[in-house]
Amino acid sequence: MTTLTEENYLKAIYHLTEKNQTVSVNELSKYLKIKMPSVNSMMKKFAEKNWVIYETYKPLQITPEGRKRAALVVRKHRLTEMFLVDKMGFGWEQVHEIAEQIEHIKSELFFEKIDELLDYPKTDPHGSPIPDKNGNIIKLNYLKLSECKPGQTVVFKALSESPNDLLNYLNQKKLSLKTAIEIIFIEPFDKSITVSYSGKQEIFSNLVCEKLLVEKA
């Protein structure tokens, strides 16, 4: 059975290796805000358990067993976030810290019941895919809003990352998932985009548009 600390390490490695297959111990140390000697020590333990491939001065590789265990922690986190929003009325900007605590509950039955009550959702409140109970995760092939062209209409499906300041910003702009967005104009100088949705126009910076994931309507 994994400990709370091990689960936090696994989840961090999972997120850091979603785009790249490897991650350095230094990157992991910075991400977790834990000193390098402690991270090295934990990675040696992970290597003994066949969760990572660890060699001194070389990038870490997460093994299939390690990725499965990590995905199951992510599953608990994202199911919890969805339950808090869908059944308890929390805002999408309020749920991360609560889910960080609940995700370490060991009972598989508890999370299976949440899954059932939610009618087996595929994504969390931020549009991120929820791994299934075997650790499998669907790949979502979305575009960044910044990659779209004037005249296109797209649907806002997910966020590439969901810090609270971004979530609060989108709340202020009254932009939520599943909203249809029409691209009106792209400013050549700074790549900011004028869009239309829900009967109004807004201008989003390139920084925001990089984080909004969409699919063609």
C-alpha atoms as a PDB file:
ATOM      1  CA  MET A   1       0.000   0.000   0.000  1.00  0.00           C
ATOM      2  CA  THR A   2       1.398   3.392  -0.980  1.00  0.00           C
ATOM      3  CA  THR A   3       1.931   6.134   1.593  1.00  0.00           C
ATOM      4  CA  LEU A   4       0.646   9.700   1.282  1.00  0.00           C
ATOM      5  CA  THR A   5       4.158  10.927   0.491  1.00  0.00           C
ATOM      6  CA  GLU A   6       4.680   8.243  -2.150  1.00  0.00           C
ATOM      7  CA  GLU A   7       1.375   9.150  -3.772  1.00  0.00           C
ATOM      8  CA  ASN A   8       2.394  12.809  -3.960  1.00  0.00           C
ATOM      9  CA  TYR A   9       5.669  11.840  -5.638  1.00  0.00           C
ATOM     10  CA  LEU A  10       3.895   9.509  -8.066  1.00  0.00           C
ATOM     11  CA  LYS A  11       1.379  12.163  -9.018  1.00  0.00           C
ATOM     12  CA  ALA A  12       4.126  14.740  -9.557  1.00  0.00           C
ATOM     13  CA  ILE A  13       6.077  12.366 -11.826  1.00  0.00           C
ATOM     14  CA  TYR A  14       2.864  11.580 -13.707  1.00  0.00           C
ATOM     15  CA  HIS A  15       2.173  15.253 -14.441  1.00  0.00           C
ATOM     16  CA  LEU A  16       5.777  16.032 -15.339  1.00  0.00           C
ATOM     17  CA  THR A  17       5.997  13.094 -17.775  1.00  0.00           C
ATOM     18  CA  GLU A  18       2.656  13.658 -19.518  1.00  0.00           C
ATOM     19  CA  LYS A  19       4.393  15.511 -22.368  1.00  0.00           C
ATOM     20  CA  ASN A  20       7.965  14.265 -21.991  1.00  0.00           C
ATOM     21  CA  GLN A  21       8.750  10.626 -21.307  1.00  0.00           C
ATOM     22  CA  THR A  22      11.431  11.507 -18.774  1.00  0.00           C
ATOM     23  CA  VAL A  23      11.934  13.994 -15.936  1.00  0.00           C
ATOM     24  CA  SER A  24      15.059  15.062 -14.078  1.00  0.00           C
ATOM     25  CA  VAL A  25      15.406  14.750 -10.320  1.00  0.00           C
ATOM     26  CA  ASN A  26      16.041  18.509 -10.264  1.00  0.00           C
ATOM     27  CA  GLU A  27      12.702  19.199 -12.012  1.00  0.00           C
ATOM     28  CA  LEU A  28      10.922  16.905  -9.567  1.00  0.00           C
ATOM     29  CA  SER A  29      12.621  18.632  -6.644  1.00  0.00           C
ATOM     30  CA  LYS A  30      11.482  22.064  -7.845  1.00  0.00           C
ATOM     31  CA  TYR A  31       7.948  20.870  -8.605  1.00  0.00           C
ATOM     32  CA  LEU A  32       7.477  19.346  -5.148  1.00  0.00           C
ATOM     33  CA  LYS A  33       9.574  22.008  -3.364  1.00  0.00           C
ATOM     34  CA  ILE A  34      11.564  19.243  -1.682  1.00  0.00           C
ATOM     35  CA  LYS A  35      15.366  19.190  -1.364  1.00  0.00           C
ATOM     36  CA  MET A  36      17.348  17.099  -3.835  1.00  0.00           C
ATOM     37  CA  PRO A  37      18.795  14.574  -1.335  1.00  0.00           C
ATOM     38  CA  SER A  38      15.278  13.661  -0.177  1.00  0.00           C
ATOM     39  CA  VAL A  39      14.081  13.264  -3.762  1.00  0.00           C
ATOM     40  CA  ASN A  40      17.089  11.100  -4.653  1.00  0.00           C
ATOM     41  CA  SER A  41      16.437   8.911  -1.631  1.00  0.00           C
ATOM     42  CA  MET A  42      12.780   8.440  -2.554  1.00  0.00           C
ATOM     43  CA  MET A  43      13.632   7.654  -6.188  1.00  0.00           C
ATOM     44  CA  LYS A  44      15.968   4.888  -5.036  1.00  0.00           C
ATOM     45  CA  LYS A  45      13.011   3.390  -3.142  1.00  0.00           C
ATOM     46  CA  PHE A  46      10.784   3.814  -6.191  1.00  0.00           C
ATOM     47  CA  ALA A  47      13.364   2.025  -8.340  1.00  0.00           C
ATOM     48  CA  GLU A  48      13.400  -0.896  -5.881  1.00  0.00           C
ATOM     49  CA  LYS A  49       9.611  -1.119  -6.246  1.00  0.00           C
ATOM     50  CA  ASN A  50       9.887  -0.939 -10.056  1.00  0.00           C
ATOM     51  CA  TRP A  51       7.939   2.316 -10.230  1.00  0.00           C
ATOM     52  CA  VAL A  52      10.734   4.259 -11.951  1.00  0.00           C
ATOM     53  CA  ILE A  53      14.009   3.603 -13.744  1.00  0.00           C
ATOM     54  CA  TYR A  54      16.568   5.569 -11.771  1.00  0.00           C
ATOM     55  CA  GLU A  55      20.251   6.029 -12.596  1.00  0.00           C
ATOM     56  CA  THR A  56      22.499   8.675 -11.061  1.00  0.00           C
ATOM     57  CA  TYR A  57      22.824  11.814 -13.248  1.00  0.00           C
ATOM     58  CA  LYS A  58      20.277  10.485 -15.742  1.00  0.00           C
ATOM     59  CA  PRO A  59      16.607  11.463 -16.235  1.00  0.00           C
ATOM     60  CA  LEU A  60      13.954   9.417 -14.472  1.00  0.00           C
ATOM     61  CA  GLN A  61      11.644   7.168 -16.457  1.00  0.00           C
ATOM     62  CA  ILE A  62       8.328   6.093 -14.989  1.00  0.00           C
ATOM     63  CA  THR A  63       7.602   2.385 -15.508  1.00  0.00           C
ATOM     64  CA  PRO A  64       4.205   1.002 -16.590  1.00  0.00           C
ATOM     65  CA  GLU A  65       3.575  -0.096 -12.991  1.00  0.00           C
ATOM     66  CA  GLY A  66       4.546   3.333 -11.685  1.00  0.00           C
ATOM     67  CA  ARG A  67       2.353   5.094 -14.225  1.00  0.00           C
ATOM     68  CA  LYS A  68      -0.622   2.904 -13.310  1.00  0.00           C
ATOM     69  CA  ARG A  69      -0.224   3.658  -9.614  1.00  0.00           C
ATOM     70  CA  ALA A  70       0.167   7.360 -10.355  1.00  0.00           C
ATOM     71  CA  ALA A  71      -2.882   7.368 -12.638  1.00  0.00           C
ATOM     72  CA  LEU A  72      -4.991   5.856  -9.861  1.00  0.00           C
ATOM     73  CA  VAL A  73      -4.045   8.754  -7.556  1.00  0.00           C
ATOM     74  CA  VAL A  74      -4.946  11.206 -10.324  1.00  0.00           C
ATOM     75  CA  ARG A  75      -8.229   9.324 -10.774  1.00  0.00           C
ATOM     76  CA  LYS A  76      -9.148   9.808  -7.104  1.00  0.00           C
ATOM     77  CA  HIS A  77      -8.253  13.493  -7.277  1.00  0.00           C
ATOM     78  CA  ARG A  78     -10.259  14.222 -10.424  1.00  0.00           C
ATOM     79  CA  LEU A  79     -13.270  12.168  -9.344  1.00  0.00           C
ATOM     80  CA  THR A  80     -13.304  14.098  -6.070  1.00  0.00           C
ATOM     81  CA  GLU A  81     -13.141  17.442  -7.877  1.00  0.00           C
ATOM     82  CA  MET A  82     -16.044  16.408 -10.108  1.00  0.00           C
ATOM     83  CA  PHE A  83     -18.103  15.283  -7.117  1.00  0.00           C
ATOM     84  CA  LEU A  84     -17.477  18.557  -5.281  1.00  0.00           C
ATOM     85  CA  VAL A  85     -18.615  20.584  -8.283  1.00  0.00           C
ATOM     86  CA  ASP A  86     -21.428  18.376  -9.583  1.00  0.00           C
ATOM     87  CA  LYS A  87     -23.002  17.195  -6.335  1.00  0.00           C
ATOM     88  CA  MET A  88     -21.958  19.764  -3.724  1.00  0.00           C
ATOM     89  CA  GLY A  89     -22.063  22.998  -5.702  1.00  0.00           C
ATOM     90  CA  PHE A  90     -18.437  24.073  -5.325  1.00  0.00           C
ATOM     91  CA  GLY A  91     -16.901  26.316  -7.969  1.00  0.00           C
ATOM     92  CA  TRP A  92     -14.178  24.856 -10.190  1.00  0.00           C
ATOM     93  CA  GLU A  93     -11.736  27.258  -8.519  1.00  0.00           C
ATOM     94  CA  GLN A  94     -12.507  25.879  -5.033  1.00  0.00           C
ATOM     95  CA  VAL A  95     -11.931  22.152  -5.339  1.00  0.00           C
ATOM     96  CA  HIS A  96      -8.208  21.489  -5.809  1.00  0.00           C
ATOM     97  CA  GLU A  97      -7.087  21.838  -2.195  1.00  0.00           C
ATOM     98  CA  ILE A  98      -9.996  19.743  -0.896  1.00  0.00           C
ATOM     99  CA  ALA A  99      -9.311  17.008  -3.455  1.00  0.00           C
ATOM    100  CA  GLU A 100      -5.632  17.028  -2.438  1.00  0.00           C
ATOM    101  CA  GLN A 101      -6.739  15.809   0.981  1.00  0.00           C
ATOM    102  CA  ILE A 102      -9.442  13.352  -0.058  1.00  0.00           C
ATOM    103  CA  GLU A 103      -7.349  11.655  -2.781  1.00  0.00           C
ATOM    104  CA  HIS A 104      -5.314   9.831  -0.121  1.00  0.00           C
ATOM    105  CA  ILE A 105      -8.297   7.838   1.211  1.00  0.00           C
ATOM    106  CA  LYS A 106      -7.378   4.183   0.636  1.00  0.00           C
ATOM    107  CA  SER A 107     -10.856   2.721   0.088  1.00  0.00           C
ATOM    108  CA  GLU A 108     -11.329   1.801  -3.580  1.00  0.00           C
ATOM    109  CA  LEU A 109     -15.035   1.225  -2.866  1.00  0.00           C
ATOM    110  CA  PHE A 110     -15.391   4.861  -1.761  1.00  0.00           C
ATOM    111  CA  PHE A 111     -14.191   6.166  -5.133  1.00  0.00           C
ATOM    112  CA  GLU A 112     -16.095   3.529  -7.097  1.00  0.00           C
ATOM    113  CA  LYS A 113     -19.255   4.820  -5.397  1.00  0.00           C
ATOM    114  CA  ILE A 114     -18.387   8.406  -6.309  1.00  0.00           C
ATOM    115  CA  ASP A 115     -17.836   7.271  -9.902  1.00  0.00           C
ATOM    116  CA  GLU A 116     -21.243   5.565  -9.910  1.00  0.00           C
ATOM    117  CA  LEU A 117     -23.037   8.571  -8.369  1.00  0.00           C
ATOM    118  CA  LEU A 118     -21.538  10.793 -11.068  1.00  0.00           C
ATOM    119  CA  ASP A 119     -22.597   8.339 -13.823  1.00  0.00           C
ATOM    120  CA  TYR A 120     -18.997   7.534 -14.732  1.00  0.00           C
ATOM    121  CA  PRO A 121     -17.670  10.882 -15.973  1.00  0.00           C
ATOM    122  CA  LYS A 122     -14.831  10.933 -18.499  1.00  0.00           C
ATOM    123  CA  THR A 123     -13.448  14.338 -17.492  1.00  0.00           C
ATOM    124  CA  ASP A 124     -13.115  16.496 -14.380  1.00  0.00           C
ATOM    125  CA  PRO A 125     -14.459  20.068 -13.868  1.00  0.00           C
ATOM    126  CA  HIS A 126     -11.462  21.490 -15.753  1.00  0.00           C
ATOM    127  CA  GLY A 127     -11.882  19.132 -18.710  1.00  0.00           C
ATOM    128  CA  SER A 128      -8.956  16.866 -17.794  1.00  0.00           C
ATOM    129  CA  PRO A 129      -9.522  13.145 -18.492  1.00  0.00           C
ATOM    130  CA  ILE A 130     -10.275  10.883 -15.520  1.00  0.00           C
ATOM    131  CA  PRO A 131      -8.319   7.593 -15.588  1.00  0.00           C
ATOM    132  CA  ASP A 132     -10.465   4.474 -15.266  1.00  0.00           C
ATOM    133  CA  LYS A 133     -10.122   2.038 -12.351  1.00  0.00           C
ATOM    134  CA  ASN A 134      -7.341   0.201 -14.201  1.00  0.00           C
ATOM    135  CA  GLY A 135      -5.336   3.388 -14.659  1.00  0.00           C
ATOM    136  CA  ASN A 136      -6.130   3.741 -18.362  1.00  0.00           C
ATOM    137  CA  ILE A 137      -6.647   7.277 -19.591  1.00  0.00           C
ATOM    138  CA  ILE A 138      -8.215   8.552 -22.800  1.00  0.00           C
ATOM    139  CA  LYS A 139      -6.185  10.892 -24.996  1.00  0.00           C
ATOM    140  CA  LEU A 140      -8.021  14.104 -25.820  1.00  0.00           C
ATOM    141  CA  ASN A 141      -6.866  15.703 -29.060  1.00  0.00           C
ATOM    142  CA  TYR A 142      -7.835  19.306 -28.504  1.00  0.00           C
ATOM    143  CA  LEU A 143      -6.471  22.468 -30.078  1.00  0.00           C
ATOM    144  CA  LYS A 144      -5.254  25.485 -28.179  1.00  0.00           C
ATOM    145  CA  LEU A 145      -7.429  28.529 -28.815  1.00  0.00           C
ATOM    146  CA  SER A 146      -4.205  30.253 -29.903  1.00  0.00           C
ATOM    147  CA  GLU A 147      -3.936  27.767 -32.796  1.00  0.00           C
ATOM    148  CA  CYS A 148      -7.324  28.660 -34.268  1.00  0.00           C
ATOM    149  CA  LYS A 149      -8.077  31.032 -37.146  1.00  0.00           C
ATOM    150  CA  PRO A 150     -10.502  33.949 -37.609  1.00  0.00           C
ATOM    151  CA  GLY A 151     -13.963  32.817 -38.675  1.00  0.00           C
ATOM    152  CA  GLN A 152     -13.766  29.480 -36.883  1.00  0.00           C
ATOM    153  CA  THR A 153     -16.294  28.477 -34.244  1.00  0.00           C
ATOM    154  CA  VAL A 154     -14.973  26.144 -31.559  1.00  0.00           C
ATOM    155  CA  VAL A 155     -16.186  24.678 -28.280  1.00  0.00           C
ATOM    156  CA  PHE A 156     -14.267  25.284 -25.035  1.00  0.00           C
ATOM    157  CA  LYS A 157     -13.502  21.784 -23.726  1.00  0.00           C
ATOM    158  CA  ALA A 158     -10.632  21.930 -21.211  1.00  0.00           C
ATOM    159  CA  LEU A 159      -7.701  23.800 -19.708  1.00  0.00           C
ATOM    160  CA  SER A 160      -4.069  22.838 -20.229  1.00  0.00           C
ATOM    161  CA  GLU A 161      -3.510  23.907 -16.613  1.00  0.00           C
ATOM    162  CA  SER A 162      -5.893  25.331 -14.052  1.00  0.00           C
ATOM    163  CA  PRO A 163      -4.322  27.739 -11.552  1.00  0.00           C
ATOM    164  CA  ASN A 164      -6.836  29.613  -9.430  1.00  0.00           C
ATOM    165  CA  ASP A 165      -5.994  33.003 -10.898  1.00  0.00           C
ATOM    166  CA  LEU A 166      -6.931  31.713 -14.362  1.00  0.00           C
ATOM    167  CA  LEU A 167     -10.131  30.080 -13.082  1.00  0.00           C
ATOM    168  CA  ASN A 168     -11.146  33.299 -11.313  1.00  0.00           C
ATOM    169  CA  TYR A 169     -10.367  35.277 -14.473  1.00  0.00           C
ATOM    170  CA  LEU A 170     -12.593  33.006 -16.566  1.00  0.00           C
ATOM    171  CA  ASN A 171     -15.326  33.299 -13.941  1.00  0.00           C
ATOM    172  CA  GLN A 172     -15.158  37.089 -14.309  1.00  0.00           C
ATOM    173  CA  LYS A 173     -15.432  36.698 -18.085  1.00  0.00           C
ATOM    174  CA  LYS A 174     -18.347  34.234 -17.607  1.00  0.00           C
ATOM    175  CA  LEU A 175     -16.635  31.655 -19.773  1.00  0.00           C
ATOM    176  CA  SER A 176     -17.264  28.019 -18.816  1.00  0.00           C
ATOM    177  CA  LEU A 177     -16.694  24.618 -20.395  1.00  0.00           C
ATOM    178  CA  LYS A 178     -18.907  23.606 -23.333  1.00  0.00           C
ATOM    179  CA  THR A 179     -19.304  27.244 -24.429  1.00  0.00           C
ATOM    180  CA  ALA A 180     -19.210  27.865 -28.199  1.00  0.00           C
ATOM    181  CA  ILE A 181     -16.632  30.516 -29.115  1.00  0.00           C
ATOM    182  CA  GLU A 182     -16.385  32.353 -32.425  1.00  0.00           C
ATOM    183  CA  ILE A 183     -12.965  33.737 -33.349  1.00  0.00           C
ATOM    184  CA  ILE A 184     -13.441  37.248 -34.693  1.00  0.00           C
ATOM    185  CA  PHE A 185      -9.939  38.706 -35.028  1.00  0.00           C
ATOM    186  CA  ILE A 186      -6.326  37.876 -34.169  1.00  0.00           C
ATOM    187  CA  GLU A 187      -4.065  40.838 -33.426  1.00  0.00           C
ATOM    188  CA  PRO A 188      -0.829  40.347 -35.445  1.00  0.00           C
ATOM    189  CA  PHE A 189       1.339  42.233 -32.934  1.00  0.00           C
ATOM    190  CA  ASP A 190       0.680  40.311 -29.714  1.00  0.00           C
ATOM    191  CA  LYS A 191      -1.534  37.438 -30.948  1.00  0.00           C
ATOM    192  CA  SER A 192      -4.394  38.463 -28.654  1.00  0.00           C
ATOM    193  CA  ILE A 193      -7.722  37.185 -29.947  1.00  0.00           C
ATOM    194  CA  THR A 194     -11.103  38.897 -30.145  1.00  0.00           C
ATOM    195  CA  VAL A 195     -13.819  36.301 -29.587  1.00  0.00           C
ATOM    196  CA  SER A 196     -17.590  36.196 -29.354  1.00  0.00           C
ATOM    197  CA  TYR A 197     -19.548  33.910 -27.044  1.00  0.00           C
ATOM    198  CA  SER A 198     -22.821  34.008 -25.118  1.00  0.00           C
ATOM    199  CA  GLY A 199     -23.874  37.173 -26.948  1.00  0.00           C
ATOM    200  CA  LYS A 200     -20.803  39.284 -26.106  1.00  0.00           C
ATOM    201  CA  GLN A 201     -17.271  40.018 -27.293  1.00  0.00           C
ATOM    202  CA  GLU A 202     -14.044  39.725 -25.317  1.00  0.00           C
ATOM    203  CA  ILE A 203     -10.346  40.080 -26.055  1.00  0.00           C
ATOM    204  CA  PHE A 204      -8.125  37.331 -24.621  1.00  0.00           C
ATOM    205  CA  SER A 205      -4.344  37.624 -24.386  1.00  0.00           C
ATOM    206  CA  ASN A 206      -2.110  35.040 -26.031  1.00  0.00           C
ATOM    207  CA  LEU A 207      -1.214  33.796 -22.530  1.00  0.00           C
ATOM    208  CA  VAL A 208      -4.876  32.936 -21.876  1.00  0.00           C
ATOM    209  CA  CYS A 209      -5.438  31.523 -25.363  1.00  0.00           C
ATOM    210  CA  GLU A 210      -2.511  29.125 -24.893  1.00  0.00           C
ATOM    211  CA  LYS A 211      -4.311  27.577 -21.909  1.00  0.00           C
ATOM    212  CA  LEU A 212      -7.818  27.239 -23.391  1.00  0.00           C
ATOM    213  CA  LEU A 213      -8.287  23.890 -25.138  1.00  0.00           C
ATOM    214  CA  VAL A 214     -11.024  23.673 -27.752  1.00  0.00           C
ATOM    215  CA  GLU A 215     -12.407  21.475 -30.506  1.00  0.00           C
ATOM    216  CA  LYS A 216     -14.033  22.526 -33.745  1.00  0.00           C
ATOM    217  CA  ALA A 217     -17.802  22.943 -33.526  1.00  0.00           C
END
